[in-house]
């Protein structure tokens, strides 16, 4: 799961550097993606404790 996320992020960054006008949109969606991923892992930890 995390490996896929890293590949996805690397792919996004590669395309962003290839086309600079997508840079702002990409960084915004990448931040959102990271926040969602972080939230999911946090939820998973919380459910493991219970």
PDB file of N, CA and C in Angstrom:
ATOM      1  N   UNK A   1       0.836  -1.210   0.000  1.00  0.00           N
ATOM      2  CA  UNK A   1       0.000   0.000   0.000  1.00  0.00           C
ATOM      3  C   UNK A   1       0.868   1.257   0.000  1.00  0.00           C
ATOM      4  N   UNK A   2       1.827   1.305   0.938  1.00  0.00           N
ATOM      5  CA  UNK A   2       2.690   2.486   1.034  1.00  0.00           C
ATOM      6  C   UNK A   2       3.601   2.587  -0.185  1.00  0.00           C
ATOM      7  N   UNK A   3       4.051   1.428  -0.682  1.00  0.00           N
ATOM      8  CA  UNK A   3       4.895   1.395  -1.880  1.00  0.00           C
ATOM      9  C   UNK A   3       4.142   1.988  -3.071  1.00  0.00           C
ATOM     10  N   UNK A   4       2.873   1.618  -3.206  1.00  0.00           N
ATOM     11  CA  UNK A   4       2.041   2.158  -4.287  1.00  0.00           C
ATOM     12  C   UNK A   4       1.897   3.666  -4.160  1.00  0.00           C
ATOM     13  N   UNK A   5       1.722   4.128  -2.938  1.00  0.00           N
ATOM     14  CA  UNK A   5       1.582   5.566  -2.686  1.00  0.00           C
ATOM     15  C   UNK A   5       2.858   6.311  -3.066  1.00  0.00           C
ATOM     16  N   UNK A   6       4.001   5.722  -2.751  1.00  0.00           N
ATOM     17  CA  UNK A   6       5.291   6.334  -3.093  1.00  0.00           C
ATOM     18  C   UNK A   6       5.477   6.384  -4.605  1.00  0.00           C
ATOM     19  N   UNK A   7       5.118   5.305  -5.290  1.00  0.00           N
ATOM     20  CA  UNK A   7       5.216   5.268  -6.752  1.00  0.00           C
ATOM     21  C   UNK A   7       4.315   6.324  -7.374  1.00  0.00           C
ATOM     22  N   UNK A   8       3.112   6.434  -6.849  1.00  0.00           N
ATOM     23  CA  UNK A   8       2.141   7.421  -7.325  1.00  0.00           C
ATOM     24  C   UNK A   8       2.676   8.835  -7.143  1.00  0.00           C
ATOM     25  N   UNK A   9       3.227   9.101  -5.966  1.00  0.00           N
ATOM     26  CA  UNK A   9       3.782  10.423  -5.673  1.00  0.00           C
ATOM     27  C   UNK A   9       4.949  10.739  -6.599  1.00  0.00           C
ATOM     28  N   UNK A  10       5.826   9.768  -6.815  1.00  0.00           N
ATOM     29  CA  UNK A  10       6.972   9.957  -7.702  1.00  0.00           C
ATOM     30  C   UNK A  10       6.507  10.216  -9.129  1.00  0.00           C
ATOM     31  N   UNK A  11       5.480   9.495  -9.546  1.00  0.00           N
ATOM     32  CA  UNK A  11       4.907   9.662 -10.878  1.00  0.00           C
ATOM     33  C   UNK A  11       4.319  11.060 -11.053  1.00  0.00           C
ATOM     34  N   UNK A  12       3.574  11.512 -10.046  1.00  0.00           N
ATOM     35  CA  UNK A  12       2.984  12.855 -10.058  1.00  0.00           C
ATOM     36  C   UNK A  12       4.072  13.917 -10.149  1.00  0.00           C
ATOM     37  N   UNK A  13       5.108  13.777  -9.323  1.00  0.00           N
ATOM     38  CA  UNK A  13       6.198  14.753  -9.313  1.00  0.00           C
ATOM     39  C   UNK A  13       6.936  14.776 -10.645  1.00  0.00           C
ATOM     40  N   UNK A  14       7.112  13.596 -11.248  1.00  0.00           N
ATOM     41  CA  UNK A  14       7.789  13.512 -12.541  1.00  0.00           C
ATOM     42  C   UNK A  14       7.011  14.277 -13.607  1.00  0.00           C
ATOM     43  N   UNK A  15       5.705  14.046 -13.661  1.00  0.00           N
ATOM     44  CA  UNK A  15       4.865  14.734 -14.647  1.00  0.00           C
ATOM     45  C   UNK A  15       4.807  16.234 -14.381  1.00  0.00           C
ATOM     46  N   UNK A  16       4.836  16.595 -13.097  1.00  0.00           N
ATOM     47  CA  UNK A  16       4.803  18.010 -12.730  1.00  0.00           C
ATOM     48  C   UNK A  16       6.060  18.728 -13.213  1.00  0.00           C
ATOM     49  N   UNK A  17       7.210  18.088 -13.050  1.00  0.00           N
ATOM     50  CA  UNK A  17       8.464  18.708 -13.477  1.00  0.00           C
ATOM     51  C   UNK A  17       8.557  18.735 -15.001  1.00  0.00           C
ATOM     52  N   UNK A  18       7.874  17.780 -15.650  1.00  0.00           N
ATOM     53  CA  UNK A  18       7.869  17.738 -17.112  1.00  0.00           C
ATOM     54  C   UNK A  18       7.018  18.868 -17.694  1.00  0.00           C
ATOM     55  N   UNK A  19       5.970  19.267 -16.980  1.00  0.00           N
ATOM     56  CA  UNK A  19       5.115  20.360 -17.446  1.00  0.00           C
ATOM     57  C   UNK A  19       4.863  21.361 -16.313  1.00  0.00           C
ATOM     58  N   UNK A  20       5.661  22.427 -16.248  1.00  0.00           N
ATOM     59  CA  UNK A  20       5.642  23.377 -15.130  1.00  0.00           C
ATOM     60  C   UNK A  20       4.292  24.057 -14.886  1.00  0.00           C
ATOM     61  N   UNK A  21       3.464  24.226 -15.920  1.00  0.00           N
ATOM     62  CA  UNK A  21       2.184  24.903 -15.715  1.00  0.00           C
ATOM     63  C   UNK A  21       1.197  24.052 -14.916  1.00  0.00           C
ATOM     64  N   UNK A  22       1.484  22.760 -14.766  1.00  0.00           N
ATOM     65  CA  UNK A  22       0.651  21.895 -13.919  1.00  0.00           C
ATOM     66  C   UNK A  22       1.144  21.872 -12.471  1.00  0.00           C
ATOM     67  N   UNK A  23       2.265  22.545 -12.236  1.00  0.00           N
ATOM     68  CA  UNK A  23       2.955  22.470 -10.947  1.00  0.00           C
ATOM     69  C   UNK A  23       2.051  22.823  -9.766  1.00  0.00           C
ATOM     70  N   UNK A  24       1.333  23.930  -9.854  1.00  0.00           N
ATOM     71  CA  UNK A  24       0.485  24.395  -8.751  1.00  0.00           C
ATOM     72  C   UNK A  24      -0.632  23.389  -8.478  1.00  0.00           C
ATOM     73  N   UNK A  25      -1.320  22.978  -9.533  1.00  0.00           N
ATOM     74  CA  UNK A  25      -2.409  22.005  -9.395  1.00  0.00           C
ATOM     75  C   UNK A  25      -1.893  20.697  -8.796  1.00  0.00           C
ATOM     76  N   UNK A  26      -0.742  20.259  -9.276  1.00  0.00           N
ATOM     77  CA  UNK A  26      -0.175  18.988  -8.826  1.00  0.00           C
ATOM     78  C   UNK A  26       0.218  19.031  -7.363  1.00  0.00           C
ATOM     79  N   UNK A  27       0.879  20.118  -6.960  1.00  0.00           N
ATOM     80  CA  UNK A  27       1.304  20.216  -5.560  1.00  0.00           C
ATOM     81  C   UNK A  27       0.094  20.263  -4.631  1.00  0.00           C
ATOM     82  N   UNK A  28      -0.973  20.925  -5.071  1.00  0.00           N
ATOM     83  CA  UNK A  28      -2.205  20.983  -4.279  1.00  0.00           C
ATOM     84  C   UNK A  28      -2.806  19.591  -4.113  1.00  0.00           C
ATOM     85  N   UNK A  29      -2.930  18.846  -5.223  1.00  0.00           N
ATOM     86  CA  UNK A  29      -3.521  17.515  -5.151  1.00  0.00           C
ATOM     87  C   UNK A  29      -2.602  16.542  -4.414  1.00  0.00           C
ATOM     88  N   UNK A  30      -1.288  16.772  -4.524  1.00  0.00           N
ATOM     89  CA  UNK A  30      -0.338  15.917  -3.812  1.00  0.00           C
ATOM     90  C   UNK A  30      -0.451  16.118  -2.303  1.00  0.00           C
ATOM     91  N   UNK A  31      -0.588  17.367  -1.879  1.00  0.00           N
ATOM     92  CA  UNK A  31      -0.775  17.682  -0.460  1.00  0.00           C
ATOM     93  C   UNK A  31      -2.066  17.037   0.054  1.00  0.00           C
ATOM     94  N   UNK A  32      -3.140  17.154  -0.718  1.00  0.00           N
ATOM     95  CA  UNK A  32      -4.414  16.532  -0.351  1.00  0.00           C
ATOM     96  C   UNK A  32      -4.246  15.018  -0.219  1.00  0.00           C
ATOM     97  N   UNK A  33      -3.544  14.426  -1.183  1.00  0.00           N
ATOM     98  CA  UNK A  33      -3.294  12.982  -1.207  1.00  0.00           C
ATOM     99  C   UNK A  33      -2.537  12.546   0.046  1.00  0.00           C
ATOM    100  N   UNK A  34      -1.502  13.321   0.403  1.00  0.00           N
ATOM    101  CA  UNK A  34      -0.704  13.017   1.590  1.00  0.00           C
ATOM    102  C   UNK A  34      -1.552  13.139   2.856  1.00  0.00           C
ATOM    103  N   UNK A  35      -2.380  14.188   2.929  1.00  0.00           N
ATOM    104  CA  UNK A  35      -3.252  14.382   4.092  1.00  0.00           C
ATOM    105  C   UNK A  35      -4.226  13.217   4.251  1.00  0.00           C
ATOM    106  N   UNK A  36      -4.819  12.787   3.153  1.00  0.00           N
ATOM    107  CA  UNK A  36      -5.752  11.656   3.181  1.00  0.00           C
ATOM    108  C   UNK A  36      -5.032  10.384   3.625  1.00  0.00           C
ATOM    109  N   UNK A  37      -3.850  10.149   3.047  1.00  0.00           N
ATOM    110  CA  UNK A  37      -3.061   8.965   3.378  1.00  0.00           C
ATOM    111  C   UNK A  37      -2.682   8.971   4.858  1.00  0.00           C
ATOM    112  N   UNK A  38      -2.281  10.132   5.351  1.00  0.00           N
ATOM    113  CA  UNK A  38      -1.902  10.298   6.757  1.00  0.00           C
ATOM    114  C   UNK A  38      -3.100  10.031   7.668  1.00  0.00           C
ATOM    115  N   UNK A  39      -4.250  10.573   7.287  1.00  0.00           N
ATOM    116  CA  UNK A  39      -5.476  10.374   8.060  1.00  0.00           C
ATOM    117  C   UNK A  39      -5.859   8.899   8.103  1.00  0.00           C
ATOM    118  N   UNK A  40      -5.737   8.215   6.976  1.00  0.00           N
ATOM    119  CA  UNK A  40      -6.074   6.795   6.913  1.00  0.00           C
ATOM    120  C   UNK A  40      -5.173   5.966   7.817  1.00  0.00           C
ATOM    121  N   UNK A  41      -3.871   6.251   7.795  1.00  0.00           N
ATOM    122  CA  UNK A  41      -2.945   5.499   8.644  1.00  0.00           C
ATOM    123  C   UNK A  41      -3.212   5.789  10.125  1.00  0.00           C
ATOM    124  N   UNK A  42      -3.618   7.026  10.426  1.00  0.00           N
ATOM    125  CA  UNK A  42      -3.951   7.404  11.803  1.00  0.00           C
ATOM    126  C   UNK A  42      -5.192   6.640  12.270  1.00  0.00           C
ATOM    127  N   UNK A  43      -6.200   6.570  11.414  1.00  0.00           N
ATOM    128  CA  UNK A  43      -7.430   5.828  11.719  1.00  0.00           C
ATOM    129  C   UNK A  43      -7.109   4.352  11.946  1.00  0.00           C
ATOM    130  N   UNK A  44      -6.210   3.813  11.121  1.00  0.00           N
ATOM    131  CA  UNK A  44      -5.831   2.411  11.238  1.00  0.00           C
ATOM    132  C   UNK A  44      -5.166   2.147  12.594  1.00  0.00           C
ATOM    133  N   UNK A  45      -4.328   3.084  13.052  1.00  0.00           N
ATOM    134  CA  UNK A  45      -3.683   2.951  14.365  1.00  0.00           C
ATOM    135  C   UNK A  45      -4.726   2.988  15.477  1.00  0.00           C
ATOM    136  N   UNK A  46      -5.686   3.911  15.362  1.00  0.00           N
ATOM    137  CA  UNK A  46      -6.722   4.066  16.378  1.00  0.00           C
ATOM    138  C   UNK A  46      -7.563   2.793  16.501  1.00  0.00           C
ATOM    139  N   UNK A  47      -7.910   2.192  15.371  1.00  0.00           N
ATOM    140  CA  UNK A  47      -8.732   0.981  15.401  1.00  0.00           C
ATOM    141  C   UNK A  47      -7.930  -0.209  15.918  1.00  0.00           C
ATOM    142  N   UNK A  48      -6.615  -0.197  15.728  1.00  0.00           N
ATOM    143  CA  UNK A  48      -5.771  -1.276  16.223  1.00  0.00           C
ATOM    144  C   UNK A  48      -5.713  -1.270  17.755  1.00  0.00           C
ATOM    145  N   UNK A  49      -5.740  -0.077  18.343  1.00  0.00           N
ATOM    146  CA  UNK A  49      -5.665   0.064  19.799  1.00  0.00           C
ATOM    147  C   UNK A  49      -6.916  -0.510  20.472  1.00  0.00           C
ATOM    148  N   UNK A  50      -8.081  -0.274  19.884  1.00  0.00           N
ATOM    149  CA  UNK A  50      -9.348  -0.710  20.483  1.00  0.00           C
ATOM    150  C   UNK A  50      -9.513  -2.227  20.499  1.00  0.00           C
TER     151      UNK A  50
END
